[in-house]
Amino acid sequence: MARVDFAFGAPDRLQMACEVAHKHYLAGRRILVYSQDARRLSQFDGMLWSVEPTSFVPHVRADDPLAAATPIWLVDASPAAWREKQAGADVWLLNLDDACPPNAHAFERILEIVSDDDADKQKARQRWRQYQADGHALRAHQVGKAQ
């Protein structure tokens, strides 16, 4: 089963996800970013180009020919199917979808970012309960302002 880390209290979910992706990129980690929402994924894609004023976070769509040489991949289809192609690789999943990713057990670590928006918190609670029912190890972290 996966370890699932929820970061609660982000002022902006996608902005915080960009910061998380940047941090893991700098640490040498490979991240698969998942959302079925093509618009959200496209917005995140654009945001990764301007995480810092003088740099960007290298990323491509998972089916891009440069994927093998890129540390962060964006996918809107089943992340587990893509994960199977990376056998033996240490890849974490950053879930930007409103639901749990299909076949979450295929990943060692899953990262969840939750904003202060009430609708986002409600969807996160549903994901928490689903992960818990599926037997994953859950951890909660507070980011942003203390509640």
C-alpha atoms as a PDB file:
ATOM      1  CA  MET A   1       0.000   0.000   0.000  1.00  0.00           C
ATOM      2  CA  ALA A   2       1.032   3.592  -0.548  1.00  0.00           C
ATOM      3  CA  ARG A   3       1.925   6.233   1.973  1.00  0.00           C
ATOM      4  CA  VAL A   4      -0.370   9.188   1.305  1.00  0.00           C
ATOM      5  CA  ASP A   5       0.682  12.622   2.540  1.00  0.00           C
ATOM      6  CA  PHE A   6      -2.024  15.285   2.724  1.00  0.00           C
ATOM      7  CA  ALA A   7      -0.846  18.902   2.973  1.00  0.00           C
ATOM      8  CA  PHE A   8      -3.777  20.911   4.365  1.00  0.00           C
ATOM      9  CA  GLY A   9      -4.204  24.680   4.382  1.00  0.00           C
ATOM     10  CA  ALA A  10      -2.603  25.690   1.084  1.00  0.00           C
ATOM     11  CA  PRO A  11      -3.645  29.214   0.099  1.00  0.00           C
ATOM     12  CA  ASP A  12      -3.796  28.020  -3.541  1.00  0.00           C
ATOM     13  CA  ARG A  13      -3.793  24.301  -4.396  1.00  0.00           C
ATOM     14  CA  LEU A  14      -2.080  24.534  -7.792  1.00  0.00           C
ATOM     15  CA  GLN A  15       0.496  27.094  -6.669  1.00  0.00           C
ATOM     16  CA  MET A  16       1.427  24.928  -3.685  1.00  0.00           C
ATOM     17  CA  ALA A  17       1.578  21.874  -5.981  1.00  0.00           C
ATOM     18  CA  CYS A  18       4.044  23.774  -8.199  1.00  0.00           C
ATOM     19  CA  GLU A  19       6.200  24.528  -5.164  1.00  0.00           C
ATOM     20  CA  VAL A  20       6.055  20.872  -4.117  1.00  0.00           C
ATOM     21  CA  ALA A  21       6.988  19.703  -7.629  1.00  0.00           C
ATOM     22  CA  HIS A  22       9.869  22.193  -7.697  1.00  0.00           C
ATOM     23  CA  LYS A  23      11.136  21.036  -4.295  1.00  0.00           C
ATOM     24  CA  HIS A  24      11.077  17.377  -5.332  1.00  0.00           C
ATOM     25  CA  TYR A  25      12.716  18.172  -8.674  1.00  0.00           C
ATOM     26  CA  LEU A  26      15.577  19.909  -6.832  1.00  0.00           C
ATOM     27  CA  ALA A  27      15.867  16.838  -4.569  1.00  0.00           C
ATOM     28  CA  GLY A  28      16.270  14.618  -7.642  1.00  0.00           C
ATOM     29  CA  ARG A  29      12.913  12.899  -7.269  1.00  0.00           C
ATOM     30  CA  ARG A  30      10.686  11.900 -10.180  1.00  0.00           C
ATOM     31  CA  ILE A  31       7.029  12.886  -9.959  1.00  0.00           C
ATOM     32  CA  LEU A  32       3.970  11.856 -11.942  1.00  0.00           C
ATOM     33  CA  VAL A  33       1.287  14.554 -11.761  1.00  0.00           C
ATOM     34  CA  TYR A  34      -2.240  13.244 -12.297  1.00  0.00           C
ATOM     35  CA  SER A  35      -5.617  14.823 -12.966  1.00  0.00           C
ATOM     36  CA  GLN A  36      -8.454  13.737 -15.221  1.00  0.00           C
ATOM     37  CA  ASP A  37      -9.326  17.429 -15.576  1.00  0.00           C
ATOM     38  CA  ALA A  38      -7.456  18.428 -18.749  1.00  0.00           C
ATOM     39  CA  ARG A  39      -8.034  22.126 -18.046  1.00  0.00           C
ATOM     40  CA  ARG A  40      -6.533  21.869 -14.540  1.00  0.00           C
ATOM     41  CA  LEU A  41      -3.568  19.892 -15.850  1.00  0.00           C
ATOM     42  CA  SER A  42      -3.011  22.446 -18.613  1.00  0.00           C
ATOM     43  CA  GLN A  43      -3.137  25.290 -16.086  1.00  0.00           C
ATOM     44  CA  PHE A  44      -0.613  23.440 -13.891  1.00  0.00           C
ATOM     45  CA  ASP A  45       1.584  22.873 -16.948  1.00  0.00           C
ATOM     46  CA  GLY A  46       1.689  26.623 -17.594  1.00  0.00           C
ATOM     47  CA  MET A  47       2.392  27.410 -13.946  1.00  0.00           C
ATOM     48  CA  LEU A  48       5.431  25.110 -13.902  1.00  0.00           C
ATOM     49  CA  TRP A  49       7.073  27.389 -16.476  1.00  0.00           C
ATOM     50  CA  SER A  50       7.168  30.275 -14.003  1.00  0.00           C
ATOM     51  CA  VAL A  51       7.706  28.774 -10.538  1.00  0.00           C
ATOM     52  CA  GLU A  52      10.680  31.114 -10.129  1.00  0.00           C
ATOM     53  CA  PRO A  53      11.409  34.285 -12.139  1.00  0.00           C
ATOM     54  CA  THR A  54      14.600  32.880 -13.668  1.00  0.00           C
ATOM     55  CA  SER A  55      13.824  29.175 -13.965  1.00  0.00           C
ATOM     56  CA  PHE A  56      11.179  26.567 -14.691  1.00  0.00           C
ATOM     57  CA  VAL A  57      10.500  23.030 -13.546  1.00  0.00           C
ATOM     58  CA  PRO A  58      11.321  20.554 -16.346  1.00  0.00           C
ATOM     59  CA  HIS A  59       8.194  18.606 -17.220  1.00  0.00           C
ATOM     60  CA  VAL A  60       6.365  17.004 -20.141  1.00  0.00           C
ATOM     61  CA  ARG A  61       3.229  15.030 -20.810  1.00  0.00           C
ATOM     62  CA  ALA A  62       3.856  11.395 -19.911  1.00  0.00           C
ATOM     63  CA  ASP A  63       3.464  10.274 -23.528  1.00  0.00           C
ATOM     64  CA  ASP A  64       5.964  12.858 -24.837  1.00  0.00           C
ATOM     65  CA  PRO A  65       9.058  11.461 -26.607  1.00  0.00           C
ATOM     66  CA  LEU A  66      11.233  13.355 -24.080  1.00  0.00           C
ATOM     67  CA  ALA A  67       9.555  11.717 -21.061  1.00  0.00           C
ATOM     68  CA  ALA A  68      12.447   9.330 -20.437  1.00  0.00           C
ATOM     69  CA  ALA A  69      14.800  12.296 -19.967  1.00  0.00           C
ATOM     70  CA  THR A  70      12.417  14.473 -17.930  1.00  0.00           C
ATOM     71  CA  PRO A  71      11.834  14.229 -14.147  1.00  0.00           C
ATOM     72  CA  ILE A  72       8.196  15.370 -13.987  1.00  0.00           C
ATOM     73  CA  TRP A  73       5.398  13.955 -16.075  1.00  0.00           C
ATOM     74  CA  LEU A  74       1.806  15.114 -16.492  1.00  0.00           C
ATOM     75  CA  VAL A  75      -0.908  12.547 -17.168  1.00  0.00           C
ATOM     76  CA  ASP A  76      -4.696  12.688 -17.470  1.00  0.00           C
ATOM     77  CA  ALA A  77      -5.195   8.954 -18.046  1.00  0.00           C
ATOM     78  CA  SER A  78      -4.676   6.108 -15.598  1.00  0.00           C
ATOM     79  CA  PRO A  79      -1.451   6.858 -13.705  1.00  0.00           C
ATOM     80  CA  ALA A  80      -1.051   3.182 -12.765  1.00  0.00           C
ATOM     81  CA  ALA A  81      -0.944   2.171 -16.436  1.00  0.00           C
ATOM     82  CA  TRP A  82       1.860   4.668 -17.004  1.00  0.00           C
ATOM     83  CA  ARG A  83       3.551   3.537 -13.782  1.00  0.00           C
ATOM     84  CA  GLU A  84       3.756  -0.046 -15.051  1.00  0.00           C
ATOM     85  CA  LYS A  85       5.913   1.193 -17.936  1.00  0.00           C
ATOM     86  CA  GLN A  86       8.414   2.553 -15.387  1.00  0.00           C
ATOM     87  CA  ALA A  87       9.080  -0.761 -13.635  1.00  0.00           C
ATOM     88  CA  GLY A  88      11.722  -0.430 -10.952  1.00  0.00           C
ATOM     89  CA  ALA A  89      11.787   3.373 -11.046  1.00  0.00           C
ATOM     90  CA  ASP A  90      11.157   5.361  -7.863  1.00  0.00           C
ATOM     91  CA  VAL A  91       8.230   7.563  -8.894  1.00  0.00           C
ATOM     92  CA  TRP A  92       5.895   9.486  -6.592  1.00  0.00           C
ATOM     93  CA  LEU A  93       2.398  10.560  -7.566  1.00  0.00           C
ATOM     94  CA  LEU A  94       1.141  14.120  -7.067  1.00  0.00           C
ATOM     95  CA  ASN A  95      -2.642  13.848  -7.264  1.00  0.00           C
ATOM     96  CA  LEU A  96      -4.389  16.986  -8.521  1.00  0.00           C
ATOM     97  CA  ASP A  97      -7.643  15.198  -9.264  1.00  0.00           C
ATOM     98  CA  ASP A  98     -10.782  15.573  -7.160  1.00  0.00           C
ATOM     99  CA  ALA A  99     -10.925  11.783  -6.664  1.00  0.00           C
ATOM    100  CA  CYS A 100      -8.365   9.186  -5.632  1.00  0.00           C
ATOM    101  CA  PRO A 101      -6.243   8.028  -8.542  1.00  0.00           C
ATOM    102  CA  PRO A 102      -7.170   4.649  -9.975  1.00  0.00           C
ATOM    103  CA  ASN A 103      -4.949   1.818  -8.680  1.00  0.00           C
ATOM    104  CA  ALA A 104      -3.223   4.030  -6.120  1.00  0.00           C
ATOM    105  CA  HIS A 105      -1.526   0.932  -4.682  1.00  0.00           C
ATOM    106  CA  ALA A 106       0.872   1.011  -7.670  1.00  0.00           C
ATOM    107  CA  PHE A 107       2.712   3.927  -6.039  1.00  0.00           C
ATOM    108  CA  GLU A 108       4.932   3.986  -2.966  1.00  0.00           C
ATOM    109  CA  ARG A 109       4.064   7.621  -2.170  1.00  0.00           C
ATOM    110  CA  ILE A 110       1.142   9.849  -3.081  1.00  0.00           C
ATOM    111  CA  LEU A 111       1.089  13.576  -2.405  1.00  0.00           C
ATOM    112  CA  GLU A 112      -2.188  15.454  -1.913  1.00  0.00           C
ATOM    113  CA  ILE A 113      -2.436  19.248  -1.688  1.00  0.00           C
ATOM    114  CA  VAL A 114      -5.592  20.701  -0.112  1.00  0.00           C
ATOM    115  CA  SER A 115      -6.519  24.386  -0.196  1.00  0.00           C
ATOM    116  CA  ASP A 116      -8.590  26.318   2.310  1.00  0.00           C
ATOM    117  CA  ASP A 117     -11.528  26.305  -0.119  1.00  0.00           C
ATOM    118  CA  ASP A 118     -14.514  24.510   1.457  1.00  0.00           C
ATOM    119  CA  ALA A 119     -15.312  22.486  -1.678  1.00  0.00           C
ATOM    120  CA  ASP A 120     -11.669  21.406  -1.985  1.00  0.00           C
ATOM    121  CA  LYS A 121     -11.577  20.382   1.690  1.00  0.00           C
ATOM    122  CA  GLN A 122     -14.762  18.337   1.266  1.00  0.00           C
ATOM    123  CA  LYS A 123     -13.328  16.479  -1.740  1.00  0.00           C
ATOM    124  CA  ALA A 124     -10.103  15.885   0.211  1.00  0.00           C
ATOM    125  CA  ARG A 125     -12.083  14.367   3.081  1.00  0.00           C
ATOM    126  CA  GLN A 126     -13.687  11.968   0.609  1.00  0.00           C
ATOM    127  CA  ARG A 127     -10.259  11.015  -0.776  1.00  0.00           C
ATOM    128  CA  TRP A 128      -8.937  10.543   2.780  1.00  0.00           C
ATOM    129  CA  ARG A 129     -11.777   8.159   3.609  1.00  0.00           C
ATOM    130  CA  GLN A 130     -11.260   6.221   0.370  1.00  0.00           C
ATOM    131  CA  TYR A 131      -7.504   5.886   0.903  1.00  0.00           C
ATOM    132  CA  GLN A 132      -8.172   4.806   4.489  1.00  0.00           C
ATOM    133  CA  ALA A 133     -10.732   2.194   3.382  1.00  0.00           C
ATOM    134  CA  ASP A 134      -8.197   0.886   0.858  1.00  0.00           C
ATOM    135  CA  GLY A 135      -5.595   0.398   3.606  1.00  0.00           C
ATOM    136  CA  HIS A 136      -3.097   3.117   2.702  1.00  0.00           C
ATOM    137  CA  ALA A 137      -0.921   4.775   5.372  1.00  0.00           C
ATOM    138  CA  LEU A 138      -2.167   8.343   5.795  1.00  0.00           C
ATOM    139  CA  ARG A 139      -0.282  11.367   7.099  1.00  0.00           C
ATOM    140  CA  ALA A 140      -1.596  14.916   7.545  1.00  0.00           C
ATOM    141  CA  HIS A 141       0.555  18.047   7.417  1.00  0.00           C
ATOM    142  CA  GLN A 142      -0.482  21.646   7.972  1.00  0.00           C
ATOM    143  CA  VAL A 143       0.904  24.249   5.542  1.00  0.00           C
ATOM    144  CA  GLY A 144       0.199  27.942   5.205  1.00  0.00           C
ATOM    145  CA  LYS A 145      -1.349  29.746   8.153  1.00  0.00           C
ATOM    146  CA  ALA A 146      -1.990  27.715  11.293  1.00  0.00           C
ATOM    147  CA  GLN A 147      -5.671  27.033  11.860  1.00  0.00           C
END
